[in-house]
Amino acid sequence: MWHSVFMPARDHSHGQQRTIQDTGSQNLPSGIDASHTDPRAFGLTKVAYGVGETIELLSIGRTSLYAAVKRGELTPIKFGKKTLFYAMDLAAFLTRLKSAALHAASGRRPKV
């Protein structure tokens, strides 16, 4: 199973630890849990991606990536000087974006 690849808790630069289950379902409509999203559903085949790869995968700029980090939507992991993003976190982020877009679209009324 995909979850077995990841360690249950991660060190964060600000001293907090979060489990995989904690990362997923923030800002989702009820009934949708992004923590169980399989990264392979988004074509993510590696366990973690560097900043350049993440920017390319998400089709966003560096400023937008770090804005998402600042908002707490993505968590960077430092490995020496390298900054990485877990595929599981990227999949949860994409799931939240998709569900937010669907939720916003369902709230729109057709113009008459």
C-alpha atoms as a PDB file:
ATOM      1  CA  MET A   1       0.000   0.000   0.000  1.00  0.00           C
ATOM      2  CA  TRP A   2       1.237   3.505  -0.781  1.00  0.00           C
ATOM      3  CA  HIS A   3       1.046   4.698   2.838  1.00  0.00           C
ATOM      4  CA  SER A   4       3.640   2.164   3.965  1.00  0.00           C
ATOM      5  CA  VAL A   5       6.372   4.053   2.078  1.00  0.00           C
ATOM      6  CA  PHE A   6       6.038   7.100   4.327  1.00  0.00           C
ATOM      7  CA  MET A   7       7.079   7.535   7.910  1.00  0.00           C
ATOM      8  CA  PRO A   8       4.168   8.248  10.288  1.00  0.00           C
ATOM      9  CA  ALA A   9       5.551  11.590  11.482  1.00  0.00           C
ATOM     10  CA  ARG A  10       7.764  14.235   9.931  1.00  0.00           C
ATOM     11  CA  ASP A  11      10.059  16.863  11.353  1.00  0.00           C
ATOM     12  CA  HIS A  12       9.142  20.384  10.341  1.00  0.00           C
ATOM     13  CA  SER A  13      11.483  23.326  10.488  1.00  0.00           C
ATOM     14  CA  HIS A  14       9.133  25.102  12.912  1.00  0.00           C
ATOM     15  CA  GLY A  15       9.322  22.269  15.448  1.00  0.00           C
ATOM     16  CA  GLN A  16       5.898  20.701  14.920  1.00  0.00           C
ATOM     17  CA  GLN A  17       5.188  17.150  13.832  1.00  0.00           C
ATOM     18  CA  ARG A  18       2.258  16.101  11.701  1.00  0.00           C
ATOM     19  CA  THR A  19       1.124  12.623  10.756  1.00  0.00           C
ATOM     20  CA  ILE A  20      -0.020  11.735   7.272  1.00  0.00           C
ATOM     21  CA  GLN A  21      -3.618  11.616   8.506  1.00  0.00           C
ATOM     22  CA  ASP A  22      -3.316  15.222   9.765  1.00  0.00           C
ATOM     23  CA  THR A  23      -2.286  16.611   6.376  1.00  0.00           C
ATOM     24  CA  GLY A  24      -5.158  15.616   4.184  1.00  0.00           C
ATOM     25  CA  SER A  25      -8.627  16.843   4.908  1.00  0.00           C
ATOM     26  CA  GLN A  26      -8.024  20.525   5.622  1.00  0.00           C
ATOM     27  CA  ASN A  27     -10.409  22.892   3.820  1.00  0.00           C
ATOM     28  CA  LEU A  28     -12.430  20.128   2.176  1.00  0.00           C
ATOM     29  CA  PRO A  29     -16.196  19.895   1.964  1.00  0.00           C
ATOM     30  CA  SER A  30     -17.516  17.246   4.323  1.00  0.00           C
ATOM     31  CA  GLY A  31     -17.289  13.694   3.074  1.00  0.00           C
ATOM     32  CA  ILE A  32     -14.052  14.210   1.096  1.00  0.00           C
ATOM     33  CA  ASP A  33     -10.803  13.070   2.681  1.00  0.00           C
ATOM     34  CA  ALA A  34      -7.637  13.991   0.760  1.00  0.00           C
ATOM     35  CA  SER A  35      -5.362  12.128   3.185  1.00  0.00           C
ATOM     36  CA  HIS A  36      -6.190   8.865   1.445  1.00  0.00           C
ATOM     37  CA  THR A  37      -5.539  10.129  -2.082  1.00  0.00           C
ATOM     38  CA  ASP A  38      -3.204   7.860  -4.011  1.00  0.00           C
ATOM     39  CA  PRO A  39      -0.493  10.026  -5.625  1.00  0.00           C
ATOM     40  CA  ARG A  40      -0.439   7.650  -8.597  1.00  0.00           C
ATOM     41  CA  ALA A  41      -3.944   8.894  -9.474  1.00  0.00           C
ATOM     42  CA  PHE A  42      -2.225  12.151 -10.472  1.00  0.00           C
ATOM     43  CA  GLY A  43       0.639  10.447 -12.294  1.00  0.00           C
ATOM     44  CA  LEU A  44       3.033  10.972  -9.388  1.00  0.00           C
ATOM     45  CA  THR A  45       5.455   8.053  -9.397  1.00  0.00           C
ATOM     46  CA  LYS A  46       8.204   9.258  -7.065  1.00  0.00           C
ATOM     47  CA  VAL A  47       7.978   9.518  -3.282  1.00  0.00           C
ATOM     48  CA  ALA A  48       9.116  13.148  -3.254  1.00  0.00           C
ATOM     49  CA  TYR A  49       9.774  15.939  -5.739  1.00  0.00           C
ATOM     50  CA  GLY A  50      12.209  18.857  -5.755  1.00  0.00           C
ATOM     51  CA  VAL A  51      11.077  22.472  -6.094  1.00  0.00           C
ATOM     52  CA  GLY A  52      11.664  22.585  -9.861  1.00  0.00           C
ATOM     53  CA  GLU A  53       9.799  19.321 -10.409  1.00  0.00           C
ATOM     54  CA  THR A  54       6.926  20.467  -8.172  1.00  0.00           C
ATOM     55  CA  ILE A  55       6.586  23.735 -10.056  1.00  0.00           C
ATOM     56  CA  GLU A  56       6.513  21.826 -13.336  1.00  0.00           C
ATOM     57  CA  LEU A  57       4.045  19.202 -12.047  1.00  0.00           C
ATOM     58  CA  LEU A  58       1.627  21.805 -10.691  1.00  0.00           C
ATOM     59  CA  SER A  59       2.124  24.217 -13.617  1.00  0.00           C
ATOM     60  CA  ILE A  60       2.636  27.125 -11.253  1.00  0.00           C
ATOM     61  CA  GLY A  61       5.473  29.546 -10.567  1.00  0.00           C
ATOM     62  CA  ARG A  62       7.910  29.551  -7.680  1.00  0.00           C
ATOM     63  CA  THR A  63       6.085  32.482  -6.033  1.00  0.00           C
ATOM     64  CA  SER A  64       2.760  30.610  -6.122  1.00  0.00           C
ATOM     65  CA  LEU A  65       4.405  27.474  -4.728  1.00  0.00           C
ATOM     66  CA  TYR A  66       5.868  29.320  -1.763  1.00  0.00           C
ATOM     67  CA  ALA A  67       2.587  31.206  -1.237  1.00  0.00           C
ATOM     68  CA  ALA A  68       0.896  27.788  -0.864  1.00  0.00           C
ATOM     69  CA  VAL A  69       3.625  26.831   1.628  1.00  0.00           C
ATOM     70  CA  LYS A  70       3.065  30.053   3.579  1.00  0.00           C
ATOM     71  CA  ARG A  71      -0.713  29.379   3.694  1.00  0.00           C
ATOM     72  CA  GLY A  72       0.000  25.875   5.036  1.00  0.00           C
ATOM     73  CA  GLU A  73      -1.385  24.132   1.957  1.00  0.00           C
ATOM     74  CA  LEU A  74       1.929  22.404   1.207  1.00  0.00           C
ATOM     75  CA  THR A  75       4.744  21.367   3.534  1.00  0.00           C
ATOM     76  CA  PRO A  76       8.336  21.447   2.279  1.00  0.00           C
ATOM     77  CA  ILE A  77      10.801  18.915   3.657  1.00  0.00           C
ATOM     78  CA  LYS A  78      14.498  19.765   3.856  1.00  0.00           C
ATOM     79  CA  PHE A  79      17.074  17.096   3.015  1.00  0.00           C
ATOM     80  CA  GLY A  80      20.389  18.839   3.459  1.00  0.00           C
ATOM     81  CA  LYS A  81      20.191  21.846   1.163  1.00  0.00           C
ATOM     82  CA  LYS A  82      17.501  20.277  -1.016  1.00  0.00           C
ATOM     83  CA  THR A  83      13.834  21.174  -0.536  1.00  0.00           C
ATOM     84  CA  LEU A  84      11.397  18.360  -1.306  1.00  0.00           C
ATOM     85  CA  PHE A  85       7.638  17.915  -1.368  1.00  0.00           C
ATOM     86  CA  TYR A  86       6.128  14.494  -0.645  1.00  0.00           C
ATOM     87  CA  ALA A  87       4.009  13.082  -3.473  1.00  0.00           C
ATOM     88  CA  MET A  88       1.285  12.300  -0.927  1.00  0.00           C
ATOM     89  CA  ASP A  89       1.140  15.994   0.077  1.00  0.00           C
ATOM     90  CA  LEU A  90       1.006  17.049  -3.584  1.00  0.00           C
ATOM     91  CA  ALA A  91      -1.847  14.609  -4.259  1.00  0.00           C
ATOM     92  CA  ALA A  92      -3.766  15.893  -1.215  1.00  0.00           C
ATOM     93  CA  PHE A  93      -3.157  19.492  -2.376  1.00  0.00           C
ATOM     94  CA  LEU A  94      -4.470  18.689  -5.875  1.00  0.00           C
ATOM     95  CA  THR A  95      -7.487  16.899  -4.401  1.00  0.00           C
ATOM     96  CA  ARG A  96      -8.316  19.946  -2.258  1.00  0.00           C
ATOM     97  CA  LEU A  97      -7.971  22.232  -5.302  1.00  0.00           C
ATOM     98  CA  LYS A  98     -10.227  19.982  -7.362  1.00  0.00           C
ATOM     99  CA  SER A  99     -12.889  19.714  -4.665  1.00  0.00           C
ATOM    100  CA  ALA A 100     -12.791  23.484  -4.043  1.00  0.00           C
ATOM    101  CA  ALA A 101     -13.289  24.114  -7.767  1.00  0.00           C
ATOM    102  CA  LEU A 102     -16.173  21.632  -7.907  1.00  0.00           C
ATOM    103  CA  HIS A 103     -17.711  23.148  -4.787  1.00  0.00           C
ATOM    104  CA  ALA A 104     -17.425  26.676  -6.229  1.00  0.00           C
ATOM    105  CA  ALA A 105     -18.887  25.552  -9.572  1.00  0.00           C
ATOM    106  CA  SER A 106     -21.855  23.883  -7.881  1.00  0.00           C
ATOM    107  CA  GLY A 107     -22.672  27.125  -6.079  1.00  0.00           C
ATOM    108  CA  ARG A 108     -22.920  29.151  -9.281  1.00  0.00           C
ATOM    109  CA  ARG A 109     -26.258  29.778 -10.822  1.00  0.00           C
ATOM    110  CA  PRO A 110     -26.731  29.827 -14.575  1.00  0.00           C
ATOM    111  CA  LYS A 111     -27.339  33.261 -16.089  1.00  0.00           C
ATOM    112  CA  VAL A 112     -30.893  33.789 -17.290  1.00  0.00           C
END
